[in-house]
Amino acid sequence: MGIELQDWKYQDYLAFLLLYAANADLSINEKERKYMESRVGRSEYEKVLALFEELNDVERIEVIVEFKRRFCKDENALERIIADFRKMLEIDHPMDAEEEAIFIGLKRLLKSV
């Protein structure tokens, strides 16, 4: 992966994870964008969105795994980020089958690394 993550703070990773969730259906709607901006701020959202759009799926997962390693040191932190991910998936409607599969897959990934 050709991006530098060592200077990233928790808010950078949170924005990235929320973007990953919002993009599960391959688009980010206004309600999702507003929620993300309320959590991380508009400038942070826009900065991370620019990077997010440059990465492929494998690179996005690598960023999420790095996030987990750096900021989810205990079970409480991990559960909090999983809850944030789920809330983002449900922000505009109940999860559909595709979003549920993405949620389960990411939850398993985060719990296994």
N, C-alpha and C. Protein backbone atom coordinates (compact mmCIF):
# COMPACT_ATOMS: atom_id res chain seq x y z
N MET A 1 0.86 -1.17 0.00
CA MET A 1 0.00 0.00 0.00
C MET A 1 0.91 1.23 0.00
N GLY A 2 0.63 2.17 -0.87
CA GLY A 2 1.49 3.31 -1.04
C GLY A 2 1.07 4.55 -0.26
N ILE A 3 0.36 4.40 0.85
CA ILE A 3 -0.04 5.57 1.62
C ILE A 3 0.59 5.51 3.00
N GLU A 4 0.81 6.66 3.55
CA GLU A 4 1.41 6.77 4.88
C GLU A 4 0.31 6.87 5.93
N LEU A 5 0.34 5.95 6.87
CA LEU A 5 -0.70 5.93 7.91
C LEU A 5 -0.16 6.27 9.30
N GLN A 6 1.16 6.35 9.45
CA GLN A 6 1.70 6.53 10.80
C GLN A 6 1.29 7.85 11.43
N ASP A 7 0.97 8.85 10.63
CA ASP A 7 0.56 10.14 11.19
C ASP A 7 -0.95 10.24 11.41
N TRP A 8 -1.67 9.20 11.03
CA TRP A 8 -3.13 9.24 11.18
C TRP A 8 -3.52 9.20 12.65
N LYS A 9 -4.55 9.96 12.97
CA LYS A 9 -5.12 9.96 14.31
C LYS A 9 -6.40 9.12 14.29
N TYR A 10 -6.96 8.93 15.46
CA TYR A 10 -8.19 8.15 15.57
C TYR A 10 -9.28 8.69 14.64
N GLN A 11 -9.43 10.02 14.59
CA GLN A 11 -10.48 10.62 13.76
C GLN A 11 -10.31 10.29 12.28
N ASP A 12 -9.06 10.20 11.82
CA ASP A 12 -8.81 9.83 10.42
C ASP A 12 -9.35 8.43 10.15
N TYR A 13 -9.00 7.52 11.03
CA TYR A 13 -9.44 6.14 10.86
C TYR A 13 -10.95 6.00 11.01
N LEU A 14 -11.52 6.72 11.97
CA LEU A 14 -12.97 6.66 12.14
C LEU A 14 -13.66 7.15 10.88
N ALA A 15 -13.19 8.26 10.33
CA ALA A 15 -13.76 8.77 9.08
C ALA A 15 -13.66 7.73 7.98
N PHE A 16 -12.51 7.06 7.90
CA PHE A 16 -12.31 6.05 6.87
C PHE A 16 -13.27 4.88 7.05
N LEU A 17 -13.41 4.41 8.28
CA LEU A 17 -14.31 3.29 8.55
C LEU A 17 -15.76 3.66 8.25
N LEU A 18 -16.16 4.85 8.63
CA LEU A 18 -17.53 5.29 8.34
C LEU A 18 -17.75 5.42 6.84
N LEU A 19 -16.74 5.90 6.12
CA LEU A 19 -16.84 5.96 4.66
C LEU A 19 -16.99 4.57 4.06
N TYR A 20 -16.25 3.62 4.60
CA TYR A 20 -16.34 2.24 4.10
C TYR A 20 -17.76 1.71 4.29
N ALA A 21 -18.33 1.99 5.45
CA ALA A 21 -19.70 1.54 5.73
C ALA A 21 -20.70 2.25 4.81
N ALA A 22 -20.58 3.57 4.71
CA ALA A 22 -21.51 4.34 3.89
C ALA A 22 -21.44 3.91 2.43
N ASN A 23 -20.27 3.51 1.99
CA ASN A 23 -20.06 3.14 0.60
C ASN A 23 -20.41 1.67 0.34
N ALA A 24 -20.94 0.97 1.31
CA ALA A 24 -21.27 -0.46 1.15
C ALA A 24 -22.23 -0.67 -0.01
N ASP A 25 -23.11 0.29 -0.26
CA ASP A 25 -24.03 0.17 -1.39
C ASP A 25 -23.53 0.95 -2.61
N LEU A 26 -22.24 1.29 -2.58
CA LEU A 26 -21.52 1.95 -3.68
C LEU A 26 -21.91 3.40 -3.90
N SER A 27 -22.55 4.01 -2.92
CA SER A 27 -22.84 5.44 -3.00
C SER A 27 -22.95 5.99 -1.58
N ILE A 28 -22.71 7.28 -1.45
CA ILE A 28 -22.82 7.96 -0.17
C ILE A 28 -23.90 9.02 -0.31
N ASN A 29 -24.97 8.86 0.46
CA ASN A 29 -26.07 9.82 0.33
C ASN A 29 -25.90 10.97 1.32
N GLU A 30 -26.78 11.94 1.21
CA GLU A 30 -26.70 13.16 2.02
C GLU A 30 -26.80 12.87 3.52
N LYS A 31 -27.68 11.98 3.90
CA LYS A 31 -27.85 11.65 5.32
C LYS A 31 -26.57 11.02 5.88
N GLU A 32 -25.97 10.14 5.11
CA GLU A 32 -24.71 9.51 5.54
C GLU A 32 -23.59 10.54 5.63
N ARG A 33 -23.49 11.41 4.63
CA ARG A 33 -22.45 12.44 4.64
C ARG A 33 -22.59 13.36 5.85
N LYS A 34 -23.81 13.79 6.13
CA LYS A 34 -24.03 14.68 7.27
C LYS A 34 -23.67 14.00 8.59
N TYR A 35 -24.02 12.72 8.71
CA TYR A 35 -23.67 12.00 9.94
C TYR A 35 -22.16 11.92 10.10
N MET A 36 -21.46 11.57 9.00
CA MET A 36 -20.00 11.49 9.08
C MET A 36 -19.39 12.83 9.45
N GLU A 37 -19.88 13.90 8.84
CA GLU A 37 -19.36 15.22 9.17
C GLU A 37 -19.63 15.59 10.62
N SER A 38 -20.76 15.15 11.16
CA SER A 38 -21.06 15.43 12.56
C SER A 38 -20.11 14.67 13.50
N ARG A 39 -19.61 13.55 13.06
CA ARG A 39 -18.71 12.73 13.88
C ARG A 39 -17.25 13.17 13.78
N VAL A 40 -16.81 13.58 12.58
CA VAL A 40 -15.39 13.85 12.39
C VAL A 40 -15.08 15.25 11.87
N GLY A 41 -16.09 16.01 11.50
CA GLY A 41 -15.88 17.35 10.94
C GLY A 41 -15.80 17.31 9.42
N ARG A 42 -16.19 18.42 8.81
CA ARG A 42 -16.25 18.47 7.35
C ARG A 42 -14.87 18.34 6.71
N SER A 43 -13.87 19.06 7.21
CA SER A 43 -12.55 19.01 6.58
C SER A 43 -11.93 17.62 6.70
N GLU A 44 -12.11 16.98 7.84
CA GLU A 44 -11.60 15.63 8.03
C GLU A 44 -12.30 14.66 7.07
N TYR A 45 -13.60 14.80 6.98
CA TYR A 45 -14.38 13.96 6.06
C TYR A 45 -13.87 14.12 4.63
N GLU A 46 -13.71 15.35 4.18
CA GLU A 46 -13.28 15.60 2.81
C GLU A 46 -11.86 15.10 2.55
N LYS A 47 -10.97 15.27 3.52
CA LYS A 47 -9.59 14.81 3.38
C LYS A 47 -9.55 13.29 3.22
N VAL A 48 -10.26 12.60 4.08
CA VAL A 48 -10.25 11.14 4.06
C VAL A 48 -11.01 10.61 2.84
N LEU A 49 -12.08 11.30 2.44
CA LEU A 49 -12.83 10.89 1.25
C LEU A 49 -11.93 10.91 0.01
N ALA A 50 -11.11 11.93 -0.13
CA ALA A 50 -10.21 12.02 -1.29
C ALA A 50 -9.29 10.81 -1.35
N LEU A 51 -8.74 10.41 -0.21
CA LEU A 51 -7.89 9.22 -0.18
C LEU A 51 -8.70 7.96 -0.42
N PHE A 52 -9.83 7.85 0.24
CA PHE A 52 -10.68 6.67 0.12
C PHE A 52 -10.99 6.38 -1.35
N GLU A 53 -11.30 7.41 -2.10
CA GLU A 53 -11.67 7.24 -3.50
C GLU A 53 -10.50 6.78 -4.38
N GLU A 54 -9.28 7.01 -3.92
CA GLU A 54 -8.10 6.59 -4.68
C GLU A 54 -7.74 5.12 -4.46
N LEU A 55 -8.22 4.53 -3.38
CA LEU A 55 -7.81 3.18 -3.01
C LEU A 55 -8.73 2.12 -3.60
N ASN A 56 -8.17 0.93 -3.80
CA ASN A 56 -8.99 -0.20 -4.21
C ASN A 56 -9.49 -0.94 -2.96
N ASP A 57 -10.30 -1.95 -3.15
CA ASP A 57 -10.90 -2.66 -2.02
C ASP A 57 -9.87 -3.28 -1.08
N VAL A 58 -8.82 -3.87 -1.63
CA VAL A 58 -7.79 -4.50 -0.80
C VAL A 58 -7.09 -3.45 0.06
N GLU A 59 -6.73 -2.32 -0.54
CA GLU A 59 -6.06 -1.25 0.20
C GLU A 59 -6.97 -0.69 1.29
N ARG A 60 -8.26 -0.60 1.00
CA ARG A 60 -9.20 -0.11 2.02
C ARG A 60 -9.24 -1.05 3.21
N ILE A 61 -9.26 -2.34 2.97
CA ILE A 61 -9.25 -3.32 4.07
C ILE A 61 -7.95 -3.22 4.85
N GLU A 62 -6.83 -3.02 4.16
CA GLU A 62 -5.54 -2.87 4.86
C GLU A 62 -5.56 -1.66 5.79
N VAL A 63 -6.17 -0.57 5.37
CA VAL A 63 -6.28 0.62 6.24
C VAL A 63 -7.13 0.29 7.46
N ILE A 64 -8.23 -0.42 7.26
CA ILE A 64 -9.11 -0.78 8.38
C ILE A 64 -8.40 -1.70 9.36
N VAL A 65 -7.64 -2.65 8.85
CA VAL A 65 -6.88 -3.55 9.74
C VAL A 65 -5.85 -2.77 10.54
N GLU A 66 -5.17 -1.83 9.89
CA GLU A 66 -4.20 -0.99 10.60
C GLU A 66 -4.90 -0.17 11.68
N PHE A 67 -6.09 0.35 11.38
CA PHE A 67 -6.89 1.09 12.35
C PHE A 67 -7.14 0.23 13.58
N LYS A 68 -7.56 -0.99 13.36
CA LYS A 68 -7.86 -1.90 14.47
C LYS A 68 -6.62 -2.14 15.31
N ARG A 69 -5.50 -2.37 14.66
CA ARG A 69 -4.25 -2.64 15.40
C ARG A 69 -3.81 -1.45 16.24
N ARG A 70 -4.02 -0.26 15.73
CA ARG A 70 -3.54 0.93 16.44
C ARG A 70 -4.51 1.43 17.50
N PHE A 71 -5.80 1.31 17.28
CA PHE A 71 -6.74 1.99 18.15
C PHE A 71 -7.74 1.10 18.87
N CYS A 72 -7.77 -0.16 18.59
CA CYS A 72 -8.71 -1.06 19.26
C CYS A 72 -7.93 -2.06 20.08
N LYS A 73 -7.32 -1.58 21.13
CA LYS A 73 -6.43 -2.41 21.95
C LYS A 73 -7.18 -3.32 22.92
N ASP A 74 -8.45 -3.02 23.17
CA ASP A 74 -9.21 -3.87 24.09
C ASP A 74 -10.60 -4.13 23.51
N GLU A 75 -11.32 -5.01 24.16
CA GLU A 75 -12.63 -5.43 23.67
C GLU A 75 -13.63 -4.27 23.63
N ASN A 76 -13.57 -3.37 24.60
CA ASN A 76 -14.49 -2.22 24.62
C ASN A 76 -14.28 -1.32 23.42
N ALA A 77 -13.03 -1.03 23.09
CA ALA A 77 -12.73 -0.19 21.93
C ALA A 77 -13.20 -0.86 20.65
N LEU A 78 -12.99 -2.15 20.55
CA LEU A 78 -13.42 -2.89 19.37
C LEU A 78 -14.94 -2.89 19.24
N GLU A 79 -15.64 -3.12 20.32
CA GLU A 79 -17.10 -3.12 20.28
C GLU A 79 -17.66 -1.74 19.93
N ARG A 80 -16.99 -0.69 20.40
CA ARG A 80 -17.42 0.67 20.10
C ARG A 80 -17.30 0.95 18.60
N ILE A 81 -16.21 0.53 17.99
CA ILE A 81 -16.02 0.78 16.57
C ILE A 81 -16.95 -0.09 15.73
N ILE A 82 -17.21 -1.29 16.17
CA ILE A 82 -18.19 -2.15 15.46
C ILE A 82 -19.57 -1.52 15.54
N ALA A 83 -19.92 -0.95 16.68
CA ALA A 83 -21.22 -0.28 16.83
C ALA A 83 -21.30 0.95 15.92
N ASP A 84 -20.20 1.71 15.81
CA ASP A 84 -20.18 2.86 14.91
C ASP A 84 -20.38 2.41 13.46
N PHE A 85 -19.73 1.32 13.09
CA PHE A 85 -19.85 0.79 11.74
C PHE A 85 -21.29 0.38 11.46
N ARG A 86 -21.89 -0.33 12.41
CA ARG A 86 -23.28 -0.77 12.24
C ARG A 86 -24.23 0.43 12.13
N LYS A 87 -24.03 1.43 12.98
CA LYS A 87 -24.90 2.62 12.94
C LYS A 87 -24.81 3.29 11.58
N MET A 88 -23.61 3.37 11.01
CA MET A 88 -23.45 3.99 9.70
C MET A 88 -24.21 3.21 8.65
N LEU A 89 -24.16 1.88 8.73
CA LEU A 89 -24.89 1.05 7.77
C LEU A 89 -26.40 1.23 7.88
N GLU A 90 -26.87 1.56 9.07
CA GLU A 90 -28.32 1.67 9.31
C GLU A 90 -28.82 3.11 9.32
N ILE A 91 -27.97 4.08 9.02
CA ILE A 91 -28.33 5.48 9.17
C ILE A 91 -29.48 5.90 8.26
N ASP A 92 -29.58 5.32 7.08
CA ASP A 92 -30.62 5.75 6.15
C ASP A 92 -31.74 4.73 5.97
N HIS A 93 -31.52 3.49 6.39
CA HIS A 93 -32.53 2.44 6.29
C HIS A 93 -32.00 1.20 6.99
N PRO A 94 -32.87 0.27 7.35
CA PRO A 94 -32.37 -0.99 7.93
C PRO A 94 -31.42 -1.67 6.94
N MET A 95 -30.43 -2.36 7.48
CA MET A 95 -29.47 -3.04 6.61
C MET A 95 -30.16 -4.01 5.68
N ASP A 96 -29.77 -3.98 4.41
CA ASP A 96 -30.25 -4.99 3.48
C ASP A 96 -29.28 -6.18 3.53
N ALA A 97 -29.53 -7.21 2.75
CA ALA A 97 -28.73 -8.44 2.81
C ALA A 97 -27.27 -8.17 2.47
N GLU A 98 -27.02 -7.32 1.49
CA GLU A 98 -25.65 -7.01 1.10
C GLU A 98 -24.91 -6.29 2.21
N GLU A 99 -25.56 -5.31 2.82
CA GLU A 99 -24.93 -4.56 3.92
C GLU A 99 -24.72 -5.46 5.13
N GLU A 100 -25.66 -6.34 5.40
CA GLU A 100 -25.51 -7.29 6.51
C GLU A 100 -24.30 -8.18 6.29
N ALA A 101 -24.10 -8.65 5.06
CA ALA A 101 -22.95 -9.49 4.74
C ALA A 101 -21.64 -8.71 4.93
N ILE A 102 -21.62 -7.45 4.52
CA ILE A 102 -20.43 -6.61 4.70
C ILE A 102 -20.17 -6.40 6.19
N PHE A 103 -21.22 -6.16 6.94
CA PHE A 103 -21.08 -5.96 8.38
C PHE A 103 -20.50 -7.22 9.05
N ILE A 104 -21.06 -8.37 8.74
CA ILE A 104 -20.59 -9.62 9.35
C ILE A 104 -19.14 -9.88 8.95
N GLY A 105 -18.82 -9.67 7.69
CA GLY A 105 -17.44 -9.89 7.23
C GLY A 105 -16.45 -8.98 7.91
N LEU A 106 -16.79 -7.70 8.02
CA LEU A 106 -15.87 -6.77 8.67
C LEU A 106 -15.75 -7.06 10.16
N LYS A 107 -16.85 -7.40 10.79
CA LYS A 107 -16.82 -7.73 12.21
C LYS A 107 -15.90 -8.93 12.45
N ARG A 108 -16.02 -9.96 11.62
CA ARG A 108 -15.15 -11.13 11.75
C ARG A 108 -13.68 -10.76 11.52
N LEU A 109 -13.44 -9.95 10.52
CA LEU A 109 -12.08 -9.52 10.23
C LEU A 109 -11.49 -8.77 11.42
N LEU A 110 -12.22 -7.81 11.94
CA LEU A 110 -11.72 -7.03 13.07
C LEU A 110 -11.47 -7.87 14.31
N LYS A 111 -12.27 -8.86 14.52
CA LYS A 111 -12.12 -9.72 15.70
C LYS A 111 -10.99 -10.74 15.52
N SER A 112 -10.57 -10.96 14.27
CA SER A 112 -9.56 -11.99 14.04
C SER A 112 -8.13 -11.45 13.92
N VAL A 113 -7.97 -10.15 13.73
CA VAL A 113 -6.60 -9.60 13.59
C VAL A 113 -6.13 -8.97 14.86
